[in-house]
Protein backbone atom coordinates (compact mmCIF):
# COMPACT_ATOMS: atom_id res chain seq x y z
CA MET A 1 150.09 -38.82 107.68
CA SER A 2 149.48 -35.10 108.41
CA LYS A 3 153.01 -33.32 109.46
CA PHE A 4 152.14 -33.55 113.56
CA SER A 5 151.68 -37.20 112.84
CA MET A 6 155.89 -37.49 111.68
CA LEU A 7 156.94 -35.29 114.52
CA ILE A 8 155.18 -36.85 116.87
CA ALA A 9 156.37 -40.46 115.26
CA PHE A 10 159.90 -39.19 114.92
CA GLY A 11 159.57 -38.14 119.54
CA ILE A 12 158.07 -41.69 120.09
CA PHE A 13 161.31 -43.42 117.71
CA LEU A 14 163.82 -40.60 119.68
CA SER A 15 162.73 -41.49 122.67
CA ILE A 16 162.92 -45.46 122.47
CA PHE A 17 166.32 -45.03 120.49
CA THR A 18 167.57 -43.23 123.12
CA SER A 19 166.55 -45.24 126.05
CA SER A 20 167.95 -48.60 123.80
CA CYS A 21 171.67 -46.32 123.01
CA LYS A 22 171.77 -46.05 126.95
CA GLN A 23 171.03 -49.71 127.95
CA HIS A 24 173.63 -51.22 125.21
CA GLN A 25 176.97 -48.25 125.58
CA ASP A 26 178.85 -50.07 127.00
CA ALA A 27 178.82 -52.43 124.55
CA ARG A 28 179.83 -50.83 121.65
CA LYS A 29 179.22 -53.25 118.48
CA PRO A 30 179.69 -51.75 114.78
CA ILE A 31 175.98 -50.91 113.04
CA SER A 32 174.65 -54.48 110.55
CA GLN A 33 172.27 -54.86 108.58
CA THR A 34 169.73 -56.24 111.34
CA SER A 35 170.32 -53.08 113.82
CA GLY A 36 169.26 -51.14 110.11
CA SER A 37 166.13 -53.94 110.10
CA PHE A 38 165.16 -52.93 114.11
CA MET A 39 165.10 -49.50 113.03
CA LYS A 40 162.92 -49.61 110.23
CA LYS A 41 160.32 -52.38 112.15
CA SER A 42 160.44 -49.89 114.76
CA ILE A 43 159.89 -46.83 113.19
CA GLU A 44 156.79 -48.38 111.59
CA ARG A 45 155.45 -49.65 114.95
CA ASN A 46 155.56 -45.73 116.05
CA LYS A 47 154.26 -44.51 112.55
CA LYS A 48 150.65 -47.42 113.29
CA LEU A 49 151.04 -46.15 116.87
CA VAL A 50 150.74 -42.56 116.39
CA ALA A 51 148.04 -43.18 113.85
CA SER A 52 146.20 -45.00 116.01
CA GLU A 53 145.93 -42.22 119.00
CA GLU A 54 145.50 -39.79 116.57
CA THR A 55 142.32 -41.42 115.26
CA ARG A 56 141.13 -41.25 118.75
CA ILE A 57 142.14 -38.24 119.51
CA GLU A 58 140.61 -36.56 116.24
CA ALA A 59 137.47 -38.60 117.48
CA LEU A 60 137.75 -37.23 120.66
CA ILE A 61 137.40 -33.85 119.17
CA LYS A 62 134.85 -34.43 116.26
CA SER A 63 132.18 -35.78 119.45
CA ASN A 64 132.74 -32.43 120.68
CA PRO A 65 131.71 -30.11 117.75
CA ASN A 66 131.01 -27.30 119.77
CA VAL A 67 134.12 -27.08 121.62
CA GLN A 68 137.06 -24.97 119.72
CA TYR A 69 140.44 -27.11 119.63
CA ILE A 70 143.81 -25.17 118.18
CA ALA A 71 146.63 -27.74 116.71
CA SER A 72 149.77 -26.94 118.80
CA LYS A 73 153.13 -26.47 116.34
CA LYS A 74 154.53 -29.42 118.56
CA GLY A 75 151.72 -32.22 118.08
CA TYR A 76 149.09 -31.41 120.17
CA TRP A 77 145.81 -29.73 120.55
CA TYR A 78 143.86 -27.55 122.92
CA THR A 79 141.06 -25.93 124.20
CA TYR A 80 140.43 -22.89 126.27
CA GLU A 81 138.09 -23.14 129.16
CA THR A 82 138.56 -19.84 130.90
CA LYS A 83 140.27 -17.54 129.03
CA ASN A 84 142.04 -14.27 129.68
CA GLU A 85 141.50 -11.62 127.06
CA ILE A 86 143.62 -8.62 128.83
CA ASP A 87 146.98 -9.35 130.12
CA SER A 88 149.13 -10.10 127.29
CA LEU A 89 152.27 -12.21 129.37
CA THR A 90 152.81 -15.68 129.68
CA PRO A 91 155.41 -17.56 131.23
CA LYS A 92 158.64 -17.88 130.12
CA LYS A 93 162.19 -19.11 131.31
CA GLY A 94 163.41 -17.27 134.04
CA ASP A 95 159.82 -17.00 135.64
CA VAL A 96 158.19 -19.06 138.52
CA ALA A 97 154.54 -20.74 137.82
CA PHE A 98 151.83 -21.94 140.08
CA PHE A 99 148.97 -23.73 138.62
CA ASP A 100 146.39 -26.70 139.68
CA TYR A 101 146.26 -29.76 137.10
CA GLU A 102 144.57 -32.58 136.38
CA ILE A 103 145.47 -35.72 134.28
CA LYS A 104 141.90 -37.81 132.46
CA ASP A 105 142.92 -40.82 129.95
CA LEU A 106 140.73 -39.89 126.79
CA LYS A 107 137.77 -41.75 127.77
CA GLY A 108 137.70 -39.26 130.52
CA THR A 109 138.13 -41.39 133.74
CA ILE A 110 140.36 -39.41 136.33
CA ILE A 111 143.68 -40.51 136.68
CA TYR A 112 145.07 -38.07 139.00
CA SER A 113 143.00 -35.69 140.02
CA GLU A 114 143.47 -31.54 140.88
CA LEU A 115 143.79 -32.20 144.45
CA GLU A 116 145.79 -35.39 144.42
CA LEU A 117 148.29 -33.06 142.49
CA ARG A 118 148.13 -29.54 144.00
CA PRO A 119 149.85 -27.56 144.64
CA GLN A 120 152.45 -26.83 141.89
CA ILE A 121 155.16 -24.62 141.69
CA TYR A 122 157.77 -25.26 138.31
CA TYR A 123 160.79 -23.07 137.61
CA VAL A 124 160.13 -22.40 133.92
CA ASP A 125 162.19 -24.98 131.16
CA LYS A 126 164.49 -25.87 134.50
CA GLN A 127 162.30 -28.23 136.08
CA ASN A 128 161.65 -31.64 134.11
CA ILE A 129 158.03 -32.30 134.25
CA MET A 130 155.76 -33.47 130.76
CA MET A 131 156.79 -32.78 128.12
CA GLY A 132 153.27 -31.39 126.98
CA LEU A 133 152.56 -29.32 130.18
CA ARG A 134 156.23 -27.56 129.53
CA ASP A 135 155.15 -25.84 126.16
CA GLY A 136 152.28 -25.90 127.50
CA ILE A 137 152.24 -23.85 130.28
CA LYS A 138 154.10 -21.30 127.83
CA LEU A 139 151.27 -20.62 125.85
CA MET A 140 148.76 -19.73 128.57
CA ARG A 141 147.92 -15.83 130.29
CA LYS A 142 147.77 -15.46 133.83
CA ASN A 143 143.72 -16.81 135.61
CA GLU A 144 143.21 -19.76 131.93
CA LYS A 145 142.45 -22.90 131.87
CA VAL A 146 143.03 -24.92 129.13
CA SER A 147 142.47 -28.40 128.79
CA PHE A 148 145.22 -29.56 126.64
CA LEU A 149 145.24 -33.09 124.20
CA PHE A 150 148.38 -34.70 124.89
CA PRO A 151 149.55 -37.97 122.80
CA SER A 152 151.82 -40.21 124.56
CA ASN A 153 155.13 -38.63 123.00
CA MET A 154 154.45 -35.81 125.03
CA GLY A 155 153.21 -36.75 128.24
CA TYR A 156 154.89 -40.01 129.65
CA GLY A 157 155.56 -41.78 126.30
CA TYR A 158 156.69 -45.95 126.46
CA HIS A 159 157.30 -46.10 129.96
CA GLY A 160 154.88 -44.20 131.36
CA ASP A 161 155.32 -42.76 134.99
CA ASP A 162 155.45 -46.32 136.68
CA LYS A 163 152.10 -45.61 138.86
CA LYS A 164 149.38 -45.01 137.77
CA ILE A 165 149.67 -43.74 133.29
CA GLY A 166 150.44 -46.86 132.02
CA THR A 167 152.35 -47.02 128.82
CA ASN A 168 151.82 -45.02 125.51
CA THR A 169 149.06 -43.34 126.86
CA PRO A 170 147.11 -40.62 125.77
CA LEU A 171 146.33 -38.15 128.60
CA ILE A 172 143.94 -34.82 128.74
CA CYS A 173 145.13 -32.51 130.93
CA THR A 174 142.89 -29.25 132.34
CA VAL A 175 145.66 -26.99 133.31
CA THR A 176 144.65 -23.51 135.21
CA LEU A 177 147.47 -20.80 135.77
CA ARG A 178 146.73 -19.35 138.51
CA ASP A 179 149.69 -16.56 138.60
CA PHE A 180 153.75 -16.47 137.65
CA MET A 181 156.29 -14.20 138.19
CA SER A 182 159.93 -13.52 137.66
CA GLU A 183 162.44 -15.98 140.42
CA THR A 184 163.70 -12.87 141.47
CA VAL A 185 160.26 -11.39 142.65
CA TYR A 186 159.49 -14.96 144.62
CA LYS A 187 163.00 -15.34 145.96
CA LYS A 188 161.98 -11.77 147.68
CA GLN A 189 159.06 -13.03 148.62
CA SER A 190 159.66 -16.12 149.65
CA GLU A 191 162.38 -14.28 152.31
CA ALA A 192 160.00 -11.92 153.18
CA LYS A 193 157.57 -14.55 154.36
CA LEU A 194 160.22 -16.10 156.51
CA LYS A 195 161.31 -12.96 158.32
CA ALA A 196 157.62 -12.67 158.91
CA ILE A 197 157.43 -15.35 161.29
CA PRO A 198 157.56 -15.43 164.79
CA LEU A 199 160.76 -17.12 166.52
CA PRO A 200 159.49 -19.59 169.67
CA ALA A 201 159.59 -17.52 172.08
CA LYS A 202 162.71 -18.57 174.70
CA PRO A 203 161.45 -20.29 177.79
CA LYS A 204 161.58 -18.60 180.77
CA THR A 205 164.00 -20.02 183.52
CA LYS A 206 163.49 -20.05 186.59
CA ALA A 207 165.34 -18.24 189.51
CA VAL A 208 167.19 -20.32 191.57
CA PRO A 209 166.63 -19.74 195.20
CA GLU A 210 169.26 -18.17 197.19
CA LEU A 211 171.24 -21.03 199.77
CA GLN A 212 170.86 -19.56 203.07
CA ASP A 213 173.75 -20.99 205.98
CA THR A 214 171.54 -22.67 208.16
CA ILE A 215 175.38 -23.49 210.71
CA THR A 216 175.82 -19.68 211.47
CA GLN A 217 171.90 -18.76 212.00
């Protein structure tokens, strides 16, 4: 199994093991031979899952020989649809990223359209988003469009998203990075926009006519 496969398998096992620990944290029983056997079986299942997903992703890559995919260090693949050859800056922690994206399965069926997910405003490394996007966004330059192939552990993992994405689903995410800036600049821009919004006009009060003393007239 490749280095990427081992990395993915470990990630899947870690997520399942952590979830299991949380569910049973009140019943702290000593580690037994049975629990050790369970862990071994879990690792084996995860290896098979990783191998299956990797085979499907490799088949997709091979079916598009004219598309150059890059293997990331985190165990996913990506290709540029639009590349920015001029700028060198990429989003980092402390920035706010503005992006659009759509999610498809490996067959190319749209799960979430760009319109459904728009707009995306992301405080880099400070918000809980899909693990693959969390890393992938930091590889992109302004106005680039990148298509990512995420194995399930870099997407929504064992649990899915409880909506349209099922358990252990590899994903294709096509992302367009519109812009990014520091949180400080974004805060100043937001405050300036609020100040520029005119306050609603106060309703005019009608003058109350002066009462005349009709008795003395």
